[in-house]
Amino acid sequence: MGRRLNQEEPLREDVHRLLMLAYAHSGNRAKAVAQYRQCEHILDKELGVAPMPETQELHLQLMRSPPRETTAALTDALSR
C-alpha cells in the first residue's frame, strides 16, 4: 500500500519515511537508502528542494547504525 501511495503522490515525504522504516525493519537497509535517494531525486527534480530535516535525520540514522542496530536506532530517532 505504501508503494502504491508513493507512486501516486511521490512528493509526500511522510510516505518515503514510512517506506524507509519498513525496509529497515525488514532488514533491507540498502532498499531503505535507495528509497531516500529516490525521495531526494524527486524533490530536487520537481521542486528544487532538499528533503525535510526529518527525512534527512532518518537517513543519517540509517547510515550511522550498524545493520543489526538499524531498527532500534531508527525507532529511537523517530520517537524524539
Protein backbone atom coordinates (compact mmCIF):
# COMPACT_ATOMS: atom_id res chain seq x y z
CA MET A 1 0.00 0.00 0.00
CA GLY A 2 2.82 2.39 0.84
CA ARG A 3 4.50 1.83 -2.51
CA ARG A 4 1.25 2.49 -4.33
CA LEU A 5 0.66 5.73 -2.44
CA ASN A 6 4.27 6.69 -3.14
CA GLN A 7 3.69 6.20 -6.87
CA GLU A 8 0.50 8.27 -6.80
CA GLU A 9 1.91 11.06 -4.61
CA PRO A 10 5.70 10.95 -4.95
CA LEU A 11 6.22 14.31 -3.23
CA ARG A 12 4.88 13.08 0.12
CA GLU A 13 7.93 12.70 2.30
CA ASP A 14 5.98 11.04 5.08
CA VAL A 15 5.34 8.12 2.75
CA HIS A 16 9.02 7.95 1.80
CA ARG A 17 9.92 7.87 5.51
CA LEU A 18 7.41 5.09 6.18
CA LEU A 19 8.83 3.04 3.34
CA MET A 20 12.36 3.67 4.58
CA LEU A 21 11.34 2.39 8.02
CA ALA A 22 9.51 -0.61 6.60
CA TYR A 23 12.56 -1.62 4.57
CA ALA A 24 14.89 -1.10 7.52
CA HIS A 25 12.63 -3.09 9.87
CA SER A 26 12.59 -5.95 7.38
CA GLY A 27 16.38 -5.93 7.33
CA ASN A 28 16.78 -4.38 3.89
CA ARG A 29 18.87 -1.33 4.68
CA ALA A 30 20.03 -0.99 1.06
CA LYS A 31 16.41 -0.63 -0.06
CA ALA A 32 15.78 1.94 2.68
CA VAL A 33 18.75 4.00 1.48
CA ALA A 34 17.57 3.65 -2.13
CA GLN A 35 14.16 4.98 -1.04
CA TYR A 36 15.83 8.06 0.45
CA ARG A 37 17.79 8.62 -2.76
CA GLN A 38 14.57 8.36 -4.76
CA CYS A 39 12.91 10.91 -2.46
CA GLU A 40 15.89 13.23 -2.75
CA HIS A 41 15.89 12.98 -6.55
CA ILE A 42 12.15 13.57 -6.95
CA LEU A 43 12.12 16.59 -4.65
CA ASP A 44 15.10 18.14 -6.41
CA LYS A 45 13.72 17.48 -9.89
CA GLU A 46 10.15 18.59 -9.20
CA LEU A 47 10.58 21.34 -6.61
CA GLY A 48 14.27 22.18 -6.49
CA VAL A 49 14.41 21.46 -2.74
CA ALA A 50 16.18 19.05 -0.42
CA PRO A 51 14.29 16.58 1.79
CA MET A 52 12.87 17.86 5.07
CA PRO A 53 15.09 17.72 8.17
CA GLU A 54 13.07 14.75 9.50
CA THR A 55 13.75 12.77 6.34
CA GLN A 56 17.43 13.70 6.35
CA GLU A 57 17.75 12.70 10.01
CA LEU A 58 16.16 9.33 9.34
CA HIS A 59 18.62 8.78 6.51
CA LEU A 60 21.57 9.78 8.70
CA GLN A 61 20.44 7.44 11.47
CA LEU A 62 20.13 4.66 8.95
CA MET A 63 23.63 5.29 7.62
CA ARG A 64 25.24 5.61 11.07
CA SER A 65 23.79 2.46 12.59
CA PRO A 66 25.38 -0.95 12.19
CA PRO A 67 22.97 -3.22 10.28
CA ARG A 68 21.69 -5.17 13.28
CA GLU A 69 21.14 -1.97 15.28
CA THR A 70 19.33 -0.15 12.49
CA THR A 71 15.79 -0.88 13.68
CA ALA A 72 16.43 0.30 17.23
CA ALA A 73 18.26 3.44 16.08
CA LEU A 74 15.50 4.38 13.65
CA THR A 75 12.75 3.80 16.16
CA ASP A 76 14.64 5.93 18.67
CA ALA A 77 15.19 8.73 16.12
CA LEU A 78 11.50 8.87 15.29
CA SER A 79 10.34 8.91 18.89
CA ARG A 80 12.12 12.22 19.60
